[in-house]
Amino acid sequence: MTAMQMRLELVPLPTSDVDRSKAFYVDQVGFVLDHDVEPGNGLRVVQLTPPGSSCSIVVGTGMGDPSAPRVHGLHLVVDDIAAARGELAGRGVDVSEVSDVGGGIRYAYFADPDGNSWALQQLSR
């Protein structure tokens, strides 16, 4: 019997302003815009993917309650946290200083305009 496979490929994020979220993730964070479609009935789907990732995020309208609780602690794993932090800060993202939590693990944090929070994580290999 083959073991069941599960892939995390899409994480919905609540947003109060789709265009603002799209601009933040594309222009400031550097995500790739995969789709921005309006199939009808007030539905708009904007799918964005971090460079090098197999998992995307989606924001939009007609997909749920925009006042839903925010998503916290999403991790973007990077090879060079200082460079990633510098690039984000250079694009106007309010990103924390890098902290070393020990064991070769380093973090820096930021949030999108709706309060969904992210961690940049570097693991020593």
PDB file of N, CA and C in Angstrom:
ATOM      1  N   MET A   1       0.838  -1.178   0.000  1.00  0.00           N
ATOM      2  CA  MET A   1       0.000   0.000   0.000  1.00  0.00           C
ATOM      3  C   MET A   1       0.887   1.246   0.000  1.00  0.00           C
ATOM      4  N   THR A   2       0.576   2.161  -0.852  1.00  0.00           N
ATOM      5  CA  THR A   2       1.333   3.392  -0.959  1.00  0.00           C
ATOM      6  C   THR A   2       0.887   4.378   0.119  1.00  0.00           C
ATOM      7  N   ALA A   3       1.867   5.011   0.733  1.00  0.00           N
ATOM      8  CA  ALA A   3       1.549   5.998   1.762  1.00  0.00           C
ATOM      9  C   ALA A   3       0.882   7.217   1.112  1.00  0.00           C
ATOM     10  N   MET A   4      -0.116   7.732   1.794  1.00  0.00           N
ATOM     11  CA  MET A   4      -0.799   8.930   1.310  1.00  0.00           C
ATOM     12  C   MET A   4       0.178  10.092   1.286  1.00  0.00           C
ATOM     13  N   GLN A   5       0.109  10.895   0.239  1.00  0.00           N
ATOM     14  CA  GLN A   5       0.929  12.099   0.145  1.00  0.00           C
ATOM     15  C   GLN A   5       0.042  13.314   0.314  1.00  0.00           C
ATOM     16  N   MET A   6       0.563  14.305   0.985  1.00  0.00           N
ATOM     17  CA  MET A   6      -0.142  15.573   1.150  1.00  0.00           C
ATOM     18  C   MET A   6       0.851  16.690   0.904  1.00  0.00           C
ATOM     19  N   ARG A   7       0.452  17.661   0.114  1.00  0.00           N
ATOM     20  CA  ARG A   7       1.311  18.796  -0.181  1.00  0.00           C
ATOM     21  C   ARG A   7       0.590  20.073   0.216  1.00  0.00           C
ATOM     22  N   LEU A   8       1.266  20.890   0.980  1.00  0.00           N
ATOM     23  CA  LEU A   8       0.734  22.217   1.274  1.00  0.00           C
ATOM     24  C   LEU A   8       1.100  23.096   0.095  1.00  0.00           C
ATOM     25  N   GLU A   9       0.100  23.552  -0.656  1.00  0.00           N
ATOM     26  CA  GLU A   9       0.369  24.313  -1.864  1.00  0.00           C
ATOM     27  C   GLU A   9      -0.279  25.691  -1.890  1.00  0.00           C
ATOM     28  N   LEU A  10      -1.244  25.949  -0.986  1.00  0.00           N
ATOM     29  CA  LEU A  10      -1.936  27.229  -1.019  1.00  0.00           C
ATOM     30  C   LEU A  10      -2.413  27.605   0.379  1.00  0.00           C
ATOM     31  N   VAL A  11      -2.070  28.825   0.805  1.00  0.00           N
ATOM     32  CA  VAL A  11      -2.480  29.335   2.110  1.00  0.00           C
ATOM     33  C   VAL A  11      -3.303  30.601   1.888  1.00  0.00           C
ATOM     34  N   PRO A  12      -4.600  30.578   2.226  1.00  0.00           N
ATOM     35  CA  PRO A  12      -5.404  31.792   2.093  1.00  0.00           C
ATOM     36  C   PRO A  12      -5.103  32.772   3.229  1.00  0.00           C
ATOM     37  N   LEU A  13      -4.981  34.052   2.874  1.00  0.00           N
ATOM     38  CA  LEU A  13      -4.750  35.097   3.860  1.00  0.00           C
ATOM     39  C   LEU A  13      -5.898  36.091   3.802  1.00  0.00           C
ATOM     40  N   PRO A  14      -6.459  36.443   4.953  1.00  0.00           N
ATOM     41  CA  PRO A  14      -7.515  37.463   4.952  1.00  0.00           C
ATOM     42  C   PRO A  14      -6.935  38.832   4.607  1.00  0.00           C
ATOM     43  N   THR A  15      -7.711  39.607   3.863  1.00  0.00           N
ATOM     44  CA  THR A  15      -7.280  40.947   3.502  1.00  0.00           C
ATOM     45  C   THR A  15      -8.484  41.868   3.439  1.00  0.00           C
ATOM     46  N   SER A  16      -8.268  43.121   3.763  1.00  0.00           N
ATOM     47  CA  SER A  16      -9.331  44.111   3.654  1.00  0.00           C
ATOM     48  C   SER A  16      -9.205  44.916   2.362  1.00  0.00           C
ATOM     49  N   ASP A  17      -8.068  44.786   1.665  1.00  0.00           N
ATOM     50  CA  ASP A  17      -7.837  45.536   0.429  1.00  0.00           C
ATOM     51  C   ASP A  17      -6.955  44.689  -0.486  1.00  0.00           C
ATOM     52  N   VAL A  18      -7.570  44.050  -1.472  1.00  0.00           N
ATOM     53  CA  VAL A  18      -6.865  43.115  -2.343  1.00  0.00           C
ATOM     54  C   VAL A  18      -5.735  43.802  -3.111  1.00  0.00           C
ATOM     55  N   ASP A  19      -6.006  44.968  -3.677  1.00  0.00           N
ATOM     56  CA  ASP A  19      -4.974  45.653  -4.456  1.00  0.00           C
ATOM     57  C   ASP A  19      -3.789  46.058  -3.587  1.00  0.00           C
ATOM     58  N   ARG A  20      -4.057  46.500  -2.373  1.00  0.00           N
ATOM     59  CA  ARG A  20      -2.970  46.860  -1.450  1.00  0.00           C
ATOM     60  C   ARG A  20      -2.128  45.626  -1.115  1.00  0.00           C
ATOM     61  N   SER A  21      -2.801  44.501  -0.849  1.00  0.00           N
ATOM     62  CA  SER A  21      -2.082  43.257  -0.545  1.00  0.00           C
ATOM     63  C   SER A  21      -1.256  42.795  -1.738  1.00  0.00           C
ATOM     64  N   LYS A  22      -1.852  42.848  -2.915  1.00  0.00           N
ATOM     65  CA  LYS A  22      -1.146  42.438  -4.138  1.00  0.00           C
ATOM     66  C   LYS A  22       0.103  43.298  -4.320  1.00  0.00           C
ATOM     67  N   ALA A  23      -0.017  44.600  -4.185  1.00  0.00           N
ATOM     68  CA  ALA A  23       1.129  45.496  -4.339  1.00  0.00           C
ATOM     69  C   ALA A  23       2.194  45.206  -3.287  1.00  0.00           C
ATOM     70  N   PHE A  24       1.788  44.974  -2.041  1.00  0.00           N
ATOM     71  CA  PHE A  24       2.744  44.684  -0.973  1.00  0.00           C
ATOM     72  C   PHE A  24       3.548  43.430  -1.304  1.00  0.00           C
ATOM     73  N   TYR A  25       2.850  42.352  -1.638  1.00  0.00           N
ATOM     74  CA  TYR A  25       3.544  41.085  -1.865  1.00  0.00           C
ATOM     75  C   TYR A  25       4.370  41.082  -3.150  1.00  0.00           C
ATOM     76  N   VAL A  26       3.902  41.732  -4.202  1.00  0.00           N
ATOM     77  CA  VAL A  26       4.651  41.748  -5.461  1.00  0.00           C
ATOM     78  C   VAL A  26       5.764  42.794  -5.422  1.00  0.00           C
ATOM     79  N   ASP A  27       5.417  44.036  -5.124  1.00  0.00           N
ATOM     80  CA  ASP A  27       6.371  45.143  -5.232  1.00  0.00           C
ATOM     81  C   ASP A  27       7.353  45.220  -4.069  1.00  0.00           C
ATOM     82  N   GLN A  28       6.911  44.863  -2.874  1.00  0.00           N
ATOM     83  CA  GLN A  28       7.784  45.007  -1.714  1.00  0.00           C
ATOM     84  C   GLN A  28       8.436  43.703  -1.283  1.00  0.00           C
ATOM     85  N   VAL A  29       7.665  42.615  -1.244  1.00  0.00           N
ATOM     86  CA  VAL A  29       8.225  41.360  -0.755  1.00  0.00           C
ATOM     87  C   VAL A  29       8.851  40.545  -1.892  1.00  0.00           C
ATOM     88  N   GLY A  30       8.429  40.778  -3.138  1.00  0.00           N
ATOM     89  CA  GLY A  30       9.051  40.101  -4.268  1.00  0.00           C
ATOM     90  C   GLY A  30       8.392  38.797  -4.679  1.00  0.00           C
ATOM     91  N   PHE A  31       7.157  38.556  -4.226  1.00  0.00           N
ATOM     92  CA  PHE A  31       6.442  37.356  -4.644  1.00  0.00           C
ATOM     93  C   PHE A  31       6.092  37.466  -6.134  1.00  0.00           C
ATOM     94  N   VAL A  32       5.904  36.328  -6.766  1.00  0.00           N
ATOM     95  CA  VAL A  32       5.502  36.257  -8.168  1.00  0.00           C
ATOM     96  C   VAL A  32       3.978  36.234  -8.230  1.00  0.00           C
ATOM     97  N   LEU A  33       3.401  37.062  -9.103  1.00  0.00           N
ATOM     98  CA  LEU A  33       1.954  37.057  -9.316  1.00  0.00           C
ATOM     99  C   LEU A  33       1.622  35.912 -10.261  1.00  0.00           C
ATOM    100  N   ASP A  34       0.914  34.902  -9.752  1.00  0.00           N
ATOM    101  CA  ASP A  34       0.531  33.747 -10.562  1.00  0.00           C
ATOM    102  C   ASP A  34      -0.789  33.989 -11.279  1.00  0.00           C
ATOM    103  N   HIS A  35      -1.759  34.505 -10.551  1.00  0.00           N
ATOM    104  CA  HIS A  35      -3.092  34.721 -11.103  1.00  0.00           C
ATOM    105  C   HIS A  35      -3.724  35.939 -10.445  1.00  0.00           C
ATOM    106  N   ASP A  36      -4.497  36.675 -11.221  1.00  0.00           N
ATOM    107  CA  ASP A  36      -5.388  37.717 -10.712  1.00  0.00           C
ATOM    108  C   ASP A  36      -6.622  37.633 -11.604  1.00  0.00           C
ATOM    109  N   VAL A  37      -7.593  36.858 -11.141  1.00  0.00           N
ATOM    110  CA  VAL A  37      -8.773  36.577 -11.972  1.00  0.00           C
ATOM    111  C   VAL A  37     -10.047  36.934 -11.226  1.00  0.00           C
ATOM    112  N   GLU A  38     -11.058  37.310 -12.011  1.00  0.00           N
ATOM    113  CA  GLU A  38     -12.388  37.604 -11.486  1.00  0.00           C
ATOM    114  C   GLU A  38     -13.387  36.767 -12.272  1.00  0.00           C
ATOM    115  N   PRO A  39     -13.647  35.535 -11.794  1.00  0.00           N
ATOM    116  CA  PRO A  39     -14.525  34.637 -12.546  1.00  0.00           C
ATOM    117  C   PRO A  39     -16.006  35.004 -12.481  1.00  0.00           C
ATOM    118  N   GLY A  40     -16.376  35.965 -11.655  1.00  0.00           N
ATOM    119  CA  GLY A  40     -17.764  36.393 -11.564  1.00  0.00           C
ATOM    120  C   GLY A  40     -18.319  36.275 -10.163  1.00  0.00           C
ATOM    121  N   ASN A  41     -19.546  36.760  -9.994  1.00  0.00           N
ATOM    122  CA  ASN A  41     -20.240  36.706  -8.700  1.00  0.00           C
ATOM    123  C   ASN A  41     -19.458  37.367  -7.570  1.00  0.00           C
ATOM    124  N   GLY A  42     -18.682  38.417  -7.900  1.00  0.00           N
ATOM    125  CA  GLY A  42     -17.934  39.136  -6.870  1.00  0.00           C
ATOM    126  C   GLY A  42     -16.679  38.437  -6.404  1.00  0.00           C
ATOM    127  N   LEU A  43     -16.321  37.337  -7.037  1.00  0.00           N
ATOM    128  CA  LEU A  43     -15.133  36.584  -6.643  1.00  0.00           C
ATOM    129  C   LEU A  43     -13.906  37.134  -7.362  1.00  0.00           C
ATOM    130  N   ARG A  44     -12.847  37.390  -6.613  1.00  0.00           N
ATOM    131  CA  ARG A  44     -11.548  37.749  -7.180  1.00  0.00           C
ATOM    132  C   ARG A  44     -10.503  36.913  -6.473  1.00  0.00           C
ATOM    133  N   VAL A  45      -9.643  36.289  -7.254  1.00  0.00           N
ATOM    134  CA  VAL A  45      -8.610  35.406  -6.723  1.00  0.00           C
ATOM    135  C   VAL A  45      -7.252  35.915  -7.186  1.00  0.00           C
ATOM    136  N   VAL A  46      -6.399  36.276  -6.218  1.00  0.00           N
ATOM    137  CA  VAL A  46      -5.040  36.718  -6.505  1.00  0.00           C
ATOM    138  C   VAL A  46      -4.102  35.730  -5.825  1.00  0.00           C
ATOM    139  N   GLN A  47      -3.404  34.945  -6.644  1.00  0.00           N
ATOM    140  CA  GLN A  47      -2.481  33.939  -6.124  1.00  0.00           C
ATOM    141  C   GLN A  47      -1.058  34.409  -6.348  1.00  0.00           C
ATOM    142  N   LEU A  48      -0.238  34.328  -5.285  1.00  0.00           N
ATOM    143  CA  LEU A  48       1.134  34.828  -5.287  1.00  0.00           C
ATOM    144  C   LEU A  48       2.060  33.768  -4.701  1.00  0.00           C
ATOM    145  N   THR A  49       3.259  33.659  -5.267  1.00  0.00           N
ATOM    146  CA  THR A  49       4.191  32.635  -4.808  1.00  0.00           C
ATOM    147  C   THR A  49       5.549  33.249  -4.470  1.00  0.00           C
ATOM    148  N   PRO A  50       6.087  32.910  -3.291  1.00  0.00           N
ATOM    149  CA  PRO A  50       7.446  33.354  -2.977  1.00  0.00           C
ATOM    150  C   PRO A  50       8.427  32.747  -3.987  1.00  0.00           C
ATOM    151  N   PRO A  51       9.453  33.489  -4.404  1.00  0.00           N
ATOM    152  CA  PRO A  51      10.420  32.936  -5.348  1.00  0.00           C
ATOM    153  C   PRO A  51      11.052  31.653  -4.797  1.00  0.00           C
ATOM    154  N   GLY A  52      11.035  30.604  -5.594  1.00  0.00           N
ATOM    155  CA  GLY A  52      11.630  29.332  -5.190  1.00  0.00           C
ATOM    156  C   GLY A  52      10.722  28.432  -4.378  1.00  0.00           C
ATOM    157  N   SER A  53       9.488  28.833  -4.129  1.00  0.00           N
ATOM    158  CA  SER A  53       8.592  28.060  -3.279  1.00  0.00           C
ATOM    159  C   SER A  53       7.605  27.225  -4.095  1.00  0.00           C
ATOM    160  N   SER A  54       7.173  26.115  -3.511  1.00  0.00           N
ATOM    161  CA  SER A  54       6.108  25.304  -4.095  1.00  0.00           C
ATOM    162  C   SER A  54       4.759  25.654  -3.488  1.00  0.00           C
ATOM    163  N   CYS A  55       4.758  26.495  -2.487  1.00  0.00           N
ATOM    164  CA  CYS A  55       3.525  26.882  -1.801  1.00  0.00           C
ATOM    165  C   CYS A  55       3.241  28.354  -2.079  1.00  0.00           C
ATOM    166  N   SER A  56       1.984  28.644  -2.383  1.00  0.00           N
ATOM    167  CA  SER A  56       1.549  29.997  -2.688  1.00  0.00           C
ATOM    168  C   SER A  56       0.618  30.510  -1.604  1.00  0.00           C
ATOM    169  N   ILE A  57       0.353  31.817  -1.670  1.00  0.00           N
ATOM    170  CA  ILE A  57      -0.693  32.418  -0.855  1.00  0.00           C
ATOM    171  C   ILE A  57      -1.784  32.900  -1.793  1.00  0.00           C
ATOM    172  N   VAL A  58      -2.975  33.104  -1.256  1.00  0.00           N
ATOM    173  CA  VAL A  58      -4.066  33.655  -2.045  1.00  0.00           C
ATOM    174  C   VAL A  58      -4.791  34.696  -1.212  1.00  0.00           C
ATOM    175  N   VAL A  59      -5.094  35.829  -1.857  1.00  0.00           N
ATOM    176  CA  VAL A  59      -5.938  36.869  -1.274  1.00  0.00           C
ATOM    177  C   VAL A  59      -7.030  37.143  -2.289  1.00  0.00           C
ATOM    178  N   GLY A  60      -8.107  37.716  -1.830  1.00  0.00           N
ATOM    179  CA  GLY A  60      -9.159  38.016  -2.788  1.00  0.00           C
ATOM    180  C   GLY A  60     -10.431  38.480  -2.130  1.00  0.00           C
ATOM    181  N   THR A  61     -11.481  38.536  -2.941  1.00  0.00           N
ATOM    182  CA  THR A  61     -12.807  38.898  -2.457  1.00  0.00           C
ATOM    183  C   THR A  61     -13.757  37.757  -2.768  1.00  0.00           C
ATOM    184  N   GLY A  62     -14.787  37.641  -1.932  1.00  0.00           N
ATOM    185  CA  GLY A  62     -15.777  36.592  -2.117  1.00  0.00           C
ATOM    186  C   GLY A  62     -15.296  35.225  -1.694  1.00  0.00           C
ATOM    187  N   MET A  63     -14.190  35.169  -0.959  1.00  0.00           N
ATOM    188  CA  MET A  63     -13.614  33.880  -0.544  1.00  0.00           C
ATOM    189  C   MET A  63     -13.724  33.652   0.954  1.00  0.00           C
ATOM    190  N   GLY A  64     -14.423  34.493   1.631  1.00  0.00           N
ATOM    191  CA  GLY A  64     -14.518  34.342   3.080  1.00  0.00           C
ATOM    192  C   GLY A  64     -14.616  35.698   3.735  1.00  0.00           C
ATOM    193  N   ASP A  65     -14.620  35.690   5.022  1.00  0.00           N
ATOM    194  CA  ASP A  65     -14.792  36.889   5.822  1.00  0.00           C
ATOM    195  C   ASP A  65     -13.485  37.674   5.905  1.00  0.00           C
ATOM    196  N   PRO A  66     -13.440  38.907   5.350  1.00  0.00           N
ATOM    197  CA  PRO A  66     -12.203  39.686   5.416  1.00  0.00           C
ATOM    198  C   PRO A  66     -11.805  40.082   6.838  1.00  0.00           C
ATOM    199  N   SER A  67     -12.726  39.955   7.793  1.00  0.00           N
ATOM    200  CA  SER A  67     -12.375  40.271   9.175  1.00  0.00           C
ATOM    201  C   SER A  67     -11.980  39.011   9.951  1.00  0.00           C
ATOM    202  N   ALA A  68     -11.753  37.910   9.228  1.00  0.00           N
ATOM    203  CA  ALA A  68     -11.337  36.661   9.873  1.00  0.00           C
ATOM    204  C   ALA A  68     -10.023  36.886  10.618  1.00  0.00           C
ATOM    205  N   PRO A  69      -9.734  36.048  11.603  1.00  0.00           N
ATOM    206  CA  PRO A  69      -8.456  36.188  12.315  1.00  0.00           C
ATOM    207  C   PRO A  69      -7.283  36.142  11.338  1.00  0.00           C
ATOM    208  N   ARG A  70      -6.269  36.905  11.661  1.00  0.00           N
ATOM    209  CA  ARG A  70      -5.089  36.961  10.821  1.00  0.00           C
ATOM    210  C   ARG A  70      -4.255  35.702  10.979  1.00  0.00           C
ATOM    211  N   VAL A  71      -3.437  35.434   9.987  1.00  0.00           N
ATOM    212  CA  VAL A  71      -2.548  34.274  10.008  1.00  0.00           C
ATOM    213  C   VAL A  71      -1.208  34.750  10.563  1.00  0.00           C
ATOM    214  N   HIS A  72      -0.668  34.003  11.512  1.00  0.00           N
ATOM    215  CA  HIS A  72       0.570  34.415  12.173  1.00  0.00           C
ATOM    216  C   HIS A  72       1.647  33.344  12.053  1.00  0.00           C
ATOM    217  N   GLY A  73       2.875  33.807  11.901  1.00  0.00           N
ATOM    218  CA  GLY A  73       4.031  32.920  11.985  1.00  0.00           C
ATOM    219  C   GLY A  73       4.330  32.120  10.734  1.00  0.00           C
ATOM    220  N   LEU A  74       3.883  32.585   9.560  1.00  0.00           N
ATOM    221  CA  LEU A  74       4.279  31.905   8.336  1.00  0.00           C
ATOM    222  C   LEU A  74       5.783  32.066   8.166  1.00  0.00           C
ATOM    223  N   HIS A  75       6.467  31.011   7.751  1.00  0.00           N
ATOM    224  CA  HIS A  75       7.923  31.040   7.633  1.00  0.00           C
ATOM    225  C   HIS A  75       8.365  31.067   6.174  1.00  0.00           C
ATOM    226  N   LEU A  76       9.272  31.961   5.881  1.00  0.00           N
ATOM    227  CA  LEU A  76       9.976  31.988   4.608  1.00  0.00           C
ATOM    228  C   LEU A  76      11.424  31.614   4.929  1.00  0.00           C
ATOM    229  N   VAL A  77      11.850  30.439   4.489  1.00  0.00           N
ATOM    230  CA  VAL A  77      13.191  29.957   4.794  1.00  0.00           C
ATOM    231  C   VAL A  77      14.143  30.495   3.733  1.00  0.00           C
ATOM    232  N   VAL A  78      15.208  31.140   4.183  1.00  0.00           N
ATOM    233  CA  VAL A  78      16.178  31.783   3.293  1.00  0.00           C
ATOM    234  C   VAL A  78      17.580  31.261   3.591  1.00  0.00           C
ATOM    235  N   ASP A  79      18.451  31.369   2.597  1.00  0.00           N
ATOM    236  CA  ASP A  79      19.845  30.950   2.785  1.00  0.00           C
ATOM    237  C   ASP A  79      20.677  32.016   3.482  1.00  0.00           C
ATOM    238  N   ASP A  80      20.364  33.294   3.220  1.00  0.00           N
ATOM    239  CA  ASP A  80      21.140  34.404   3.778  1.00  0.00           C
ATOM    240  C   ASP A  80      20.157  35.430   4.343  1.00  0.00           C
ATOM    241  N   ILE A  81      19.915  35.340   5.641  1.00  0.00           N
ATOM    242  CA  ILE A  81      18.886  36.185   6.255  1.00  0.00           C
ATOM    243  C   ILE A  81      19.269  37.661   6.222  1.00  0.00           C
ATOM    244  N   ALA A  82      20.532  37.974   6.353  1.00  0.00           N
ATOM    245  CA  ALA A  82      20.943  39.381   6.313  1.00  0.00           C
ATOM    246  C   ALA A  82      20.653  39.978   4.936  1.00  0.00           C
ATOM    247  N   ALA A  83      20.942  39.235   3.886  1.00  0.00           N
ATOM    248  CA  ALA A  83      20.674  39.721   2.531  1.00  0.00           C
ATOM    249  C   ALA A  83      19.175  39.834   2.289  1.00  0.00           C
ATOM    250  N   ALA A  84      18.408  38.831   2.717  1.00  0.00           N
ATOM    251  CA  ALA A  84      16.952  38.864   2.532  1.00  0.00           C
ATOM    252  C   ALA A  84      16.343  40.021   3.307  1.00  0.00           C
ATOM    253  N   ARG A  85      16.781  40.199   4.543  1.00  0.00           N
ATOM    254  CA  ARG A  85      16.273  41.305   5.351  1.00  0.00           C
ATOM    255  C   ARG A  85      16.607  42.641   4.699  1.00  0.00           C
ATOM    256  N   GLY A  86      17.844  42.789   4.228  1.00  0.00           N
ATOM    257  CA  GLY A  86      18.260  44.023   3.582  1.00  0.00           C
ATOM    258  C   GLY A  86      17.458  44.323   2.328  1.00  0.00           C
ATOM    259  N   GLU A  87      17.171  43.293   1.547  1.00  0.00           N
ATOM    260  CA  GLU A  87      16.377  43.480   0.331  1.00  0.00           C
ATOM    261  C   GLU A  87      14.958  43.934   0.665  1.00  0.00           C
ATOM    262  N   LEU A  88      14.346  43.289   1.663  1.00  0.00           N
ATOM    263  CA  LEU A  88      12.988  43.680   2.062  1.00  0.00           C
ATOM    264  C   LEU A  88      12.973  45.102   2.617  1.00  0.00           C
ATOM    265  N   ALA A  89      13.911  45.408   3.489  1.00  0.00           N
ATOM    266  CA  ALA A  89      13.968  46.756   4.063  1.00  0.00           C
ATOM    267  C   ALA A  89      14.175  47.794   2.962  1.00  0.00           C
ATOM    268  N   GLY A  90      14.992  47.454   1.971  1.00  0.00           N
ATOM    269  CA  GLY A  90      15.242  48.361   0.864  1.00  0.00           C
ATOM    270  C   GLY A  90      14.006  48.611   0.010  1.00  0.00           C
ATOM    271  N   ARG A  91      13.063  47.688   0.069  1.00  0.00           N
ATOM    272  CA  ARG A  91      11.803  47.843  -0.664  1.00  0.00           C
ATOM    273  C   ARG A  91      10.706  48.452   0.208  1.00  0.00           C
ATOM    274  N   GLY A  92      11.075  48.891   1.403  1.00  0.00           N
ATOM    275  CA  GLY A  92      10.120  49.572   2.271  1.00  0.00           C
ATOM    276  C   GLY A  92       9.352  48.684   3.225  1.00  0.00           C
ATOM    277  N   VAL A  93       9.749  47.421   3.372  1.00  0.00           N
ATOM    278  CA  VAL A  93       9.085  46.527   4.323  1.00  0.00           C
ATOM    279  C   VAL A  93       9.642  46.807   5.714  1.00  0.00           C
ATOM    280  N   ASP A  94       8.757  46.945   6.697  1.00  0.00           N
ATOM    281  CA  ASP A  94       9.159  47.148   8.085  1.00  0.00           C
ATOM    282  C   ASP A  94       9.522  45.783   8.671  1.00  0.00           C
ATOM    283  N   VAL A  95      10.789  45.441   8.582  1.00  0.00           N
ATOM    284  CA  VAL A  95      11.264  44.122   9.010  1.00  0.00           C
ATOM    285  C   VAL A  95      12.186  44.299  10.215  1.00  0.00           C
ATOM    286  N   SER A  96      12.035  43.404  11.174  1.00  0.00           N
ATOM    287  CA  SER A  96      12.821  43.501  12.404  1.00  0.00           C
ATOM    288  C   SER A  96      14.298  43.251  12.137  1.00  0.00           C
ATOM    289  N   GLU A  97      15.091  43.544  13.143  1.00  0.00           N
ATOM    290  CA  GLU A  97      16.496  43.157  13.095  1.00  0.00           C
ATOM    291  C   GLU A  97      16.580  41.633  13.160  1.00  0.00           C
ATOM    292  N   VAL A  98      17.680  41.073  12.774  1.00  0.00           N
ATOM    293  CA  VAL A  98      17.895  39.626  12.824  1.00  0.00           C
ATOM    294  C   VAL A  98      18.208  39.219  14.258  1.00  0.00           C
ATOM    295  N   SER A  99      17.555  38.170  14.727  1.00  0.00           N
ATOM    296  CA  SER A  99      17.855  37.633  16.049  1.00  0.00           C
ATOM    297  C   SER A  99      18.338  36.197  15.909  1.00  0.00           C
ATOM    298  N   ASP A 100      19.309  35.861  16.729  1.00  0.00           N
ATOM    299  CA  ASP A 100      19.872  34.513  16.744  1.00  0.00           C
ATOM    300  C   ASP A 100      19.269  33.793  17.940  1.00  0.00           C
ATOM    301  N   VAL A 101      18.504  32.728  17.682  1.00  0.00           N
ATOM    302  CA  VAL A 101      17.850  32.010  18.778  1.00  0.00           C
ATOM    303  C   VAL A 101      18.660  30.805  19.249  1.00  0.00           C
ATOM    304  N   GLY A 102      19.850  30.624  18.681  1.00  0.00           N
ATOM    305  CA  GLY A 102      20.712  29.524  19.073  1.00  0.00           C
ATOM    306  C   GLY A 102      20.547  28.330  18.146  1.00  0.00           C
ATOM    307  N   GLY A 103      21.505  27.456  18.220  1.00  0.00           N
ATOM    308  CA  GLY A 103      21.444  26.244  17.417  1.00  0.00           C
ATOM    309  C   GLY A 103      21.543  26.493  15.920  1.00  0.00           C
ATOM    310  N   GLY A 104      22.087  27.651  15.548  1.00  0.00           N
ATOM    311  CA  GLY A 104      22.220  27.973  14.135  1.00  0.00           C
ATOM    312  C   GLY A 104      20.955  28.476  13.482  1.00  0.00           C
ATOM    313  N   ILE A 105      19.977  28.891  14.294  1.00  0.00           N
ATOM    314  CA  ILE A 105      18.704  29.377  13.770  1.00  0.00           C
ATOM    315  C   ILE A 105      18.619  30.878  13.994  1.00  0.00           C
ATOM    316  N   ARG A 106      18.310  31.589  12.911  1.00  0.00           N
ATOM    317  CA  ARG A 106      18.191  33.049  12.975  1.00  0.00           C
ATOM    318  C   ARG A 106      16.851  33.466  12.378  1.00  0.00           C
ATOM    319  N   TYR A 107      16.275  34.528  12.930  1.00  0.00           N
ATOM    320  CA  TYR A 107      14.967  35.015  12.499  1.00  0.00           C
ATOM    321  C   TYR A 107      14.963  36.523  12.302  1.00  0.00           C
ATOM    322  N   ALA A 108      14.055  36.964  11.414  1.00  0.00           N
ATOM    323  CA  ALA A 108      13.658  38.363  11.291  1.00  0.00           C
ATOM    324  C   ALA A 108      12.164  38.328  10.963  1.00  0.00           C
ATOM    325  N   TYR A 109      11.424  39.337  11.404  1.00  0.00           N
ATOM    326  CA  TYR A 109       9.964  39.295  11.314  1.00  0.00           C
ATOM    327  C   TYR A 109       9.399  40.512  10.602  1.00  0.00           C
ATOM    328  N   PHE A 110       8.277  40.302   9.914  1.00  0.00           N
ATOM    329  CA  PHE A 110       7.529  41.399   9.310  1.00  0.00           C
ATOM    330  C   PHE A 110       6.069  40.994   9.196  1.00  0.00           C
ATOM    331  N   ALA A 111       5.227  41.964   8.889  1.00  0.00           N
ATOM    332  CA  ALA A 111       3.793  41.702   8.718  1.00  0.00           C
ATOM    333  C   ALA A 111       3.301  42.437   7.483  1.00  0.00           C
ATOM    334  N   ASP A 112       2.220  41.924   6.905  1.00  0.00           N
ATOM    335  CA  ASP A 112       1.613  42.618   5.764  1.00  0.00           C
ATOM    336  C   ASP A 112       0.691  43.717   6.286  1.00  0.00           C
ATOM    337  N   PRO A 113       0.129  44.531   5.403  1.00  0.00           N
ATOM    338  CA  PRO A 113      -0.711  45.649   5.857  1.00  0.00           C
ATOM    339  C   PRO A 113      -1.960  45.229   6.631  1.00  0.00           C
ATOM    340  N   ASP A 114      -2.358  43.958   6.541  1.00  0.00           N
ATOM    341  CA  ASP A 114      -3.531  43.479   7.276  1.00  0.00           C
ATOM    342  C   ASP A 114      -3.171  42.804   8.587  1.00  0.00           C
ATOM    343  N   GLY A 115      -1.882  42.690   8.901  1.00  0.00           N
ATOM    344  CA  GLY A 115      -1.475  42.078  10.157  1.00  0.00           C
ATOM    345  C   GLY A 115      -1.180  40.595  10.082  1.00  0.00           C
ATOM    346  N   ASN A 116      -1.167  40.006   8.883  1.00  0.00           N
ATOM    347  CA  ASN A 116      -0.697  38.623   8.740  1.00  0.00           C
ATOM    348  C   ASN A 116       0.813  38.665   8.922  1.00  0.00           C
ATOM    349  N   SER A 117       1.346  37.802   9.790  1.00  0.00           N
ATOM    350  CA  SER A 117       2.763  37.927  10.142  1.00  0.00           C
ATOM    351  C   SER A 117       3.615  36.822   9.549  1.00  0.00           C
ATOM    352  N   TRP A 118       4.856  37.203   9.285  1.00  0.00           N
ATOM    353  CA  TRP A 118       5.829  36.344   8.625  1.00  0.00           C
ATOM    354  C   TRP A 118       7.126  36.319   9.410  1.00  0.00           C
ATOM    355  N   ALA A 119       7.842  35.199   9.276  1.00  0.00           N
ATOM    356  CA  ALA A 119       9.187  35.078   9.827  1.00  0.00           C
ATOM    357  C   ALA A 119      10.123  34.690   8.693  1.00  0.00           C
ATOM    358  N   LEU A 120      11.208  35.427   8.552  1.00  0.00           N
ATOM    359  CA  LEU A 120      12.316  34.965   7.725  1.00  0.00           C
ATOM    360  C   LEU A 120      13.120  34.058   8.622  1.00  0.00           C
ATOM    361  N   GLN A 121      13.471  32.885   8.149  1.00  0.00           N
ATOM    362  CA  GLN A 121      14.224  31.934   8.972  1.00  0.00           C
ATOM    363  C   GLN A 121      15.437  31.443   8.190  1.00  0.00           C
ATOM    364  N   GLN A 122      16.585  31.483   8.851  1.00  0.00           N
ATOM    365  CA  GLN A 122      17.801  30.899   8.283  1.00  0.00           C
ATOM    366  C   GLN A 122      18.252  29.785   9.199  1.00  0.00           C
ATOM    367  N   LEU A 123      18.460  28.615   8.633  1.00  0.00           N
ATOM    368  CA  LEU A 123      18.944  27.456   9.372  1.00  0.00           C
ATOM    369  C   LEU A 123      20.362  27.141   8.923  1.00  0.00           C
ATOM    370  N   SER A 124      21.274  26.992   9.855  1.00  0.00           N
ATOM    371  CA  SER A 124      22.617  26.554   9.485  1.00  0.00           C
ATOM    372  C   SER A 124      22.536  25.079   9.135  1.00  0.00           C
ATOM    373  N   ARG A 125      23.116  24.731   8.041  1.00  0.00           N
ATOM    374  CA  ARG A 125      23.025  23.347   7.579  1.00  0.00           C
ATOM    375  C   ARG A 125      24.336  22.634   7.787  1.00  0.00           C
TER     376      ARG A 125
END
